[in-house]
Amino acid sequence: MLVDTNKNLAYLYGAAEEDKDRLNRMAVIIDKTGKIVKIDKDVKPATHGSDLVNYFKNNPQTSN
């Protein structure tokens, strides 16, 4: 988990626009080699934890 207080990564991944104060929630899953394996632009805060657990259960190769 990464907190992006200066919005640098949010701009990089398209989760923010410079003229707006609001950020869109998103999850970027990066494997241990640094490769982006999934970008989820439809994060639901209420279920995000269980959504991640289910993702890694169904895609164990990304959690090694």
PDB file of N, CA and C in Angstrom:
ATOM      1  N   MET A   1       0.843  -1.164   0.000  1.00  0.00           N
ATOM      2  CA  MET A   1       0.000   0.000   0.000  1.00  0.00           C
ATOM      3  C   MET A   1       0.891   1.230   0.000  1.00  0.00           C
ATOM      4  N   LEU A   2       0.474   2.218  -0.740  1.00  0.00           N
ATOM      5  CA  LEU A   2       1.243   3.446  -0.893  1.00  0.00           C
ATOM      6  C   LEU A   2       0.308   4.631  -0.723  1.00  0.00           C
ATOM      7  N   VAL A   3       0.728   5.593   0.056  1.00  0.00           N
ATOM      8  CA  VAL A   3      -0.037   6.822   0.201  1.00  0.00           C
ATOM      9  C   VAL A   3       0.627   7.881  -0.673  1.00  0.00           C
ATOM     10  N   ASP A   4      -0.143   8.493  -1.534  1.00  0.00           N
ATOM     11  CA  ASP A   4       0.367   9.451  -2.513  1.00  0.00           C
ATOM     12  C   ASP A   4      -0.086  10.858  -2.130  1.00  0.00           C
ATOM     13  N   THR A   5       0.503  11.428  -1.081  1.00  0.00           N
ATOM     14  CA  THR A   5       0.040  12.712  -0.554  1.00  0.00           C
ATOM     15  C   THR A   5       0.244  13.883  -1.510  1.00  0.00           C
ATOM     16  N   ASN A   6       1.216  13.807  -2.391  1.00  0.00           N
ATOM     17  CA  ASN A   6       1.469  14.903  -3.328  1.00  0.00           C
ATOM     18  C   ASN A   6       0.801  14.692  -4.691  1.00  0.00           C
ATOM     19  N   LYS A   7       0.056  13.605  -4.825  1.00  0.00           N
ATOM     20  CA  LYS A   7      -0.691  13.260  -6.044  1.00  0.00           C
ATOM     21  C   LYS A   7       0.216  12.944  -7.239  1.00  0.00           C
ATOM     22  N   ASN A   8       1.487  12.720  -7.033  1.00  0.00           N
ATOM     23  CA  ASN A   8       2.397  12.443  -8.145  1.00  0.00           C
ATOM     24  C   ASN A   8       2.008  11.173  -8.896  1.00  0.00           C
ATOM     25  N   LEU A   9       1.778  10.092  -8.165  1.00  0.00           N
ATOM     26  CA  LEU A   9       1.392   8.840  -8.830  1.00  0.00           C
ATOM     27  C   LEU A   9      -0.028   8.917  -9.377  1.00  0.00           C
ATOM     28  N   ALA A  10      -0.891   9.657  -8.697  1.00  0.00           N
ATOM     29  CA  ALA A  10      -2.259   9.822  -9.201  1.00  0.00           C
ATOM     30  C   ALA A  10      -2.250  10.468 -10.578  1.00  0.00           C
ATOM     31  N   TYR A  11      -1.408  11.475 -10.765  1.00  0.00           N
ATOM     32  CA  TYR A  11      -1.291  12.100 -12.089  1.00  0.00           C
ATOM     33  C   TYR A  11      -0.704  11.112 -13.096  1.00  0.00           C
ATOM     34  N   LEU A  12       0.308  10.379 -12.685  1.00  0.00           N
ATOM     35  CA  LEU A  12       0.971   9.437 -13.578  1.00  0.00           C
ATOM     36  C   LEU A  12       0.015   8.369 -14.097  1.00  0.00           C
ATOM     37  N   TYR A  13      -0.850   7.844 -13.213  1.00  0.00           N
ATOM     38  CA  TYR A  13      -1.757   6.765 -13.593  1.00  0.00           C
ATOM     39  C   TYR A  13      -3.135   7.246 -14.037  1.00  0.00           C
ATOM     40  N   GLY A  14      -3.326   8.557 -14.120  1.00  0.00           N
ATOM     41  CA  GLY A  14      -4.594   9.072 -14.611  1.00  0.00           C
ATOM     42  C   GLY A  14      -5.715   9.080 -13.604  1.00  0.00           C
ATOM     43  N   ALA A  15      -5.402   9.062 -12.322  1.00  0.00           N
ATOM     44  CA  ALA A  15      -6.433   9.075 -11.286  1.00  0.00           C
ATOM     45  C   ALA A  15      -6.775  10.493 -10.851  1.00  0.00           C
ATOM     46  N   ALA A  16      -6.049  11.482 -11.344  1.00  0.00           N
ATOM     47  CA  ALA A  16      -6.292  12.870 -10.970  1.00  0.00           C
ATOM     48  C   ALA A  16      -6.086  13.773 -12.178  1.00  0.00           C
ATOM     49  N   GLU A  17      -6.761  14.892 -12.126  1.00  0.00           N
ATOM     50  CA  GLU A  17      -6.560  15.918 -13.135  1.00  0.00           C
ATOM     51  C   GLU A  17      -6.085  17.172 -12.417  1.00  0.00           C
ATOM     52  N   GLU A  18      -5.161  17.893 -12.998  1.00  0.00           N
ATOM     53  CA  GLU A  18      -4.542  19.026 -12.322  1.00  0.00           C
ATOM     54  C   GLU A  18      -5.532  20.113 -11.946  1.00  0.00           C
ATOM     55  N   ASP A  19      -6.593  20.293 -12.701  1.00  0.00           N
ATOM     56  CA  ASP A  19      -7.535  21.367 -12.412  1.00  0.00           C
ATOM     57  C   ASP A  19      -8.652  20.961 -11.450  1.00  0.00           C
ATOM     58  N   LYS A  20      -8.591  19.742 -10.929  1.00  0.00           N
ATOM     59  CA  LYS A  20      -9.624  19.270 -10.002  1.00  0.00           C
ATOM     60  C   LYS A  20      -8.990  18.857  -8.686  1.00  0.00           C
ATOM     61  N   ASP A  21      -9.723  19.084  -7.588  1.00  0.00           N
ATOM     62  CA  ASP A  21      -9.229  18.679  -6.265  1.00  0.00           C
ATOM     63  C   ASP A  21      -9.529  17.224  -5.959  1.00  0.00           C
ATOM     64  N   ARG A  22     -10.516  16.667  -6.621  1.00  0.00           N
ATOM     65  CA  ARG A  22     -10.966  15.303  -6.316  1.00  0.00           C
ATOM     66  C   ARG A  22     -10.113  14.269  -7.044  1.00  0.00           C
ATOM     67  N   LEU A  23      -9.777  13.204  -6.331  1.00  0.00           N
ATOM     68  CA  LEU A  23      -9.052  12.085  -6.925  1.00  0.00           C
ATOM     69  C   LEU A  23      -9.997  10.902  -7.073  1.00  0.00           C
ATOM     70  N   ASN A  24      -9.761  10.106  -8.086  1.00  0.00           N
ATOM     71  CA  ASN A  24     -10.505   8.859  -8.250  1.00  0.00           C
ATOM     72  C   ASN A  24      -9.729   7.751  -7.553  1.00  0.00           C
ATOM     73  N   ARG A  25     -10.448   6.923  -6.814  1.00  0.00           N
ATOM     74  CA  ARG A  25      -9.783   5.793  -6.170  1.00  0.00           C
ATOM     75  C   ARG A  25      -9.443   4.759  -7.226  1.00  0.00           C
ATOM     76  N   MET A  26      -8.252   4.202  -7.112  1.00  0.00           N
ATOM     77  CA  MET A  26      -7.856   3.131  -8.010  1.00  0.00           C
ATOM     78  C   MET A  26      -6.787   2.299  -7.330  1.00  0.00           C
ATOM     79  N   ALA A  27      -6.635   1.081  -7.800  1.00  0.00           N
ATOM     80  CA  ALA A  27      -5.598   0.187  -7.291  1.00  0.00           C
ATOM     81  C   ALA A  27      -4.717  -0.225  -8.460  1.00  0.00           C
ATOM     82  N   VAL A  28      -3.422  -0.141  -8.250  1.00  0.00           N
ATOM     83  CA  VAL A  28      -2.446  -0.579  -9.242  1.00  0.00           C
ATOM     84  C   VAL A  28      -1.662  -1.718  -8.598  1.00  0.00           C
ATOM     85  N   ILE A  29      -1.765  -2.909  -9.145  1.00  0.00           N
ATOM     86  CA  ILE A  29      -1.067  -4.071  -8.601  1.00  0.00           C
ATOM     87  C   ILE A  29       0.200  -4.264  -9.418  1.00  0.00           C
ATOM     88  N   ILE A  30       1.321  -4.242  -8.713  1.00  0.00           N
ATOM     89  CA  ILE A  30       2.641  -4.332  -9.330  1.00  0.00           C
ATOM     90  C   ILE A  30       3.331  -5.576  -8.798  1.00  0.00           C
ATOM     91  N   ASP A  31       3.871  -6.412  -9.689  1.00  0.00           N
ATOM     92  CA  ASP A  31       4.545  -7.628  -9.221  1.00  0.00           C
ATOM     93  C   ASP A  31       5.949  -7.305  -8.718  1.00  0.00           C
ATOM     94  N   LYS A  32       6.636  -8.318  -8.212  1.00  0.00           N
ATOM     95  CA  LYS A  32       7.940  -8.086  -7.583  1.00  0.00           C
ATOM     96  C   LYS A  32       9.018  -7.652  -8.570  1.00  0.00           C
ATOM     97  N   THR A  33       8.760  -7.798  -9.872  1.00  0.00           N
ATOM     98  CA  THR A  33       9.728  -7.330 -10.866  1.00  0.00           C
ATOM     99  C   THR A  33       9.461  -5.888 -11.279  1.00  0.00           C
ATOM    100  N   GLY A  34       8.370  -5.312 -10.765  1.00  0.00           N
ATOM    101  CA  GLY A  34       8.019  -3.939 -11.095  1.00  0.00           C
ATOM    102  C   GLY A  34       7.031  -3.817 -12.240  1.00  0.00           C
ATOM    103  N   LYS A  35       6.549  -4.944 -12.758  1.00  0.00           N
ATOM    104  CA  LYS A  35       5.592  -4.946 -13.863  1.00  0.00           C
ATOM    105  C   LYS A  35       4.177  -4.701 -13.334  1.00  0.00           C
ATOM    106  N   ILE A  36       3.450  -3.804 -13.976  1.00  0.00           N
ATOM    107  CA  ILE A  36       2.048  -3.579 -13.627  1.00  0.00           C
ATOM    108  C   ILE A  36       1.245  -4.751 -14.162  1.00  0.00           C
ATOM    109  N   VAL A  37       0.546  -5.448 -13.272  1.00  0.00           N
ATOM    110  CA  VAL A  37      -0.233  -6.612 -13.695  1.00  0.00           C
ATOM    111  C   VAL A  37      -1.736  -6.344 -13.715  1.00  0.00           C
ATOM    112  N   LYS A  38      -2.162  -5.275 -13.038  1.00  0.00           N
ATOM    113  CA  LYS A  38      -3.592  -4.952 -13.032  1.00  0.00           C
ATOM    114  C   LYS A  38      -3.774  -3.507 -12.584  1.00  0.00           C
ATOM    115  N   ILE A  39      -4.681  -2.828 -13.259  1.00  0.00           N
ATOM    116  CA  ILE A  39      -5.122  -1.506 -12.826  1.00  0.00           C
ATOM    117  C   ILE A  39      -6.626  -1.584 -12.655  1.00  0.00           C
ATOM    118  N   ASP A  40      -7.081  -1.331 -11.443  1.00  0.00           N
ATOM    119  CA  ASP A  40      -8.508  -1.361 -11.147  1.00  0.00           C
ATOM    120  C   ASP A  40      -8.961   0.079 -10.922  1.00  0.00           C
ATOM    121  N   LYS A  41      -9.715   0.617 -11.879  1.00  0.00           N
ATOM    122  CA  LYS A  41     -10.193   1.995 -11.774  1.00  0.00           C
ATOM    123  C   LYS A  41     -11.595   2.066 -11.193  1.00  0.00           C
ATOM    124  N   ASP A  42     -12.101   0.940 -10.703  1.00  0.00           N
ATOM    125  CA  ASP A  42     -13.449   0.890 -10.130  1.00  0.00           C
ATOM    126  C   ASP A  42     -13.379   0.366  -8.689  1.00  0.00           C
ATOM    127  N   VAL A  43     -12.549   0.996  -7.870  1.00  0.00           N
ATOM    128  CA  VAL A  43     -12.376   0.560  -6.482  1.00  0.00           C
ATOM    129  C   VAL A  43     -13.586   0.981  -5.650  1.00  0.00           C
ATOM    130  N   LYS A  44     -14.118   0.036  -4.921  1.00  0.00           N
ATOM    131  CA  LYS A  44     -15.220   0.298  -3.992  1.00  0.00           C
ATOM    132  C   LYS A  44     -14.664   0.165  -2.568  1.00  0.00           C
ATOM    133  N   PRO A  45     -14.545   1.270  -1.843  1.00  0.00           N
ATOM    134  CA  PRO A  45     -13.926   1.225  -0.512  1.00  0.00           C
ATOM    135  C   PRO A  45     -14.526   0.178   0.425  1.00  0.00           C
ATOM    136  N   ALA A  46     -15.814  -0.036   0.355  1.00  0.00           N
ATOM    137  CA  ALA A  46     -16.466  -0.978   1.257  1.00  0.00           C
ATOM    138  C   ALA A  46     -16.034  -2.424   1.042  1.00  0.00           C
ATOM    139  N   THR A  47     -15.625  -2.764  -0.185  1.00  0.00           N
ATOM    140  CA  THR A  47     -15.270  -4.152  -0.493  1.00  0.00           C
ATOM    141  C   THR A  47     -13.828  -4.315  -0.966  1.00  0.00           C
ATOM    142  N   HIS A  48     -13.068  -3.237  -0.972  1.00  0.00           N
ATOM    143  CA  HIS A  48     -11.740  -3.286  -1.588  1.00  0.00           C
ATOM    144  C   HIS A  48     -10.824  -4.333  -0.949  1.00  0.00           C
ATOM    145  N   GLY A  49     -10.826  -4.447   0.359  1.00  0.00           N
ATOM    146  CA  GLY A  49      -9.987  -5.446   1.026  1.00  0.00           C
ATOM    147  C   GLY A  49     -10.311  -6.854   0.563  1.00  0.00           C
ATOM    148  N   SER A  50     -11.579  -7.211   0.586  1.00  0.00           N
ATOM    149  CA  SER A  50     -11.962  -8.563   0.158  1.00  0.00           C
ATOM    150  C   SER A  50     -11.779  -8.738  -1.351  1.00  0.00           C
ATOM    151  N   ASP A  51     -11.952  -7.670  -2.116  1.00  0.00           N
ATOM    152  CA  ASP A  51     -11.709  -7.749  -3.563  1.00  0.00           C
ATOM    153  C   ASP A  51     -10.241  -8.092  -3.836  1.00  0.00           C
ATOM    154  N   LEU A  52      -9.317  -7.470  -3.091  1.00  0.00           N
ATOM    155  CA  LEU A  52      -7.895  -7.773  -3.257  1.00  0.00           C
ATOM    156  C   LEU A  52      -7.573  -9.206  -2.851  1.00  0.00           C
ATOM    157  N   VAL A  53      -8.127  -9.652  -1.733  1.00  0.00           N
ATOM    158  CA  VAL A  53      -7.897 -11.028  -1.286  1.00  0.00           C
ATOM    159  C   VAL A  53      -8.367 -12.001  -2.360  1.00  0.00           C
ATOM    160  N   ASN A  54      -9.548 -11.767  -2.903  1.00  0.00           N
ATOM    161  CA  ASN A  54     -10.069 -12.646  -3.957  1.00  0.00           C
ATOM    162  C   ASN A  54      -9.201 -12.598  -5.204  1.00  0.00           C
ATOM    163  N   TYR A  55      -8.718 -11.419  -5.568  1.00  0.00           N
ATOM    164  CA  TYR A  55      -7.852 -11.303  -6.740  1.00  0.00           C
ATOM    165  C   TYR A  55      -6.599 -12.163  -6.561  1.00  0.00           C
ATOM    166  N   PHE A  56      -5.938 -12.037  -5.398  1.00  0.00           N
ATOM    167  CA  PHE A  56      -4.700 -12.784  -5.176  1.00  0.00           C
ATOM    168  C   PHE A  56      -4.947 -14.284  -5.010  1.00  0.00           C
ATOM    169  N   LYS A  57      -6.101 -14.670  -4.491  1.00  0.00           N
ATOM    170  CA  LYS A  57      -6.439 -16.096  -4.429  1.00  0.00           C
ATOM    171  C   LYS A  57      -6.597 -16.671  -5.833  1.00  0.00           C
ATOM    172  N   ASN A  58      -7.203 -15.894  -6.730  1.00  0.00           N
ATOM    173  CA  ASN A  58      -7.443 -16.353  -8.096  1.00  0.00           C
ATOM    174  C   ASN A  58      -6.268 -16.126  -9.041  1.00  0.00           C
ATOM    175  N   ASN A  59      -5.280 -15.357  -8.593  1.00  0.00           N
ATOM    176  CA  ASN A  59      -4.096 -15.046  -9.407  1.00  0.00           C
ATOM    177  C   ASN A  59      -2.844 -15.175  -8.546  1.00  0.00           C
ATOM    178  N   PRO A  60      -2.573 -16.366  -8.034  1.00  0.00           N
ATOM    179  CA  PRO A  60      -1.465 -16.532  -7.089  1.00  0.00           C
ATOM    180  C   PRO A  60      -0.100 -16.164  -7.674  1.00  0.00           C
ATOM    181  N   GLN A  61       0.052 -16.212  -8.980  1.00  0.00           N
ATOM    182  CA  GLN A  61       1.343 -15.882  -9.585  1.00  0.00           C
ATOM    183  C   GLN A  61       1.707 -14.417  -9.365  1.00  0.00           C
ATOM    184  N   THR A  62       0.739 -13.547  -9.092  1.00  0.00           N
ATOM    185  CA  THR A  62       1.046 -12.130  -8.887  1.00  0.00           C
ATOM    186  C   THR A  62       1.398 -11.806  -7.442  1.00  0.00           C
ATOM    187  N   SER A  63       1.174 -12.734  -6.531  1.00  0.00           N
ATOM    188  CA  SER A  63       1.446 -12.439  -5.124  1.00  0.00           C
ATOM    189  C   SER A  63       2.747 -13.038  -4.633  1.00  0.00           C
ATOM    190  N   ASN A  64       3.524 -13.670  -5.490  1.00  0.00           N
ATOM    191  CA  ASN A  64       4.789 -14.266  -5.084  1.00  0.00           C
ATOM    192  C   ASN A  64       5.913 -13.265  -5.106  1.00  0.00           C
TER     193      ASN A  64
END
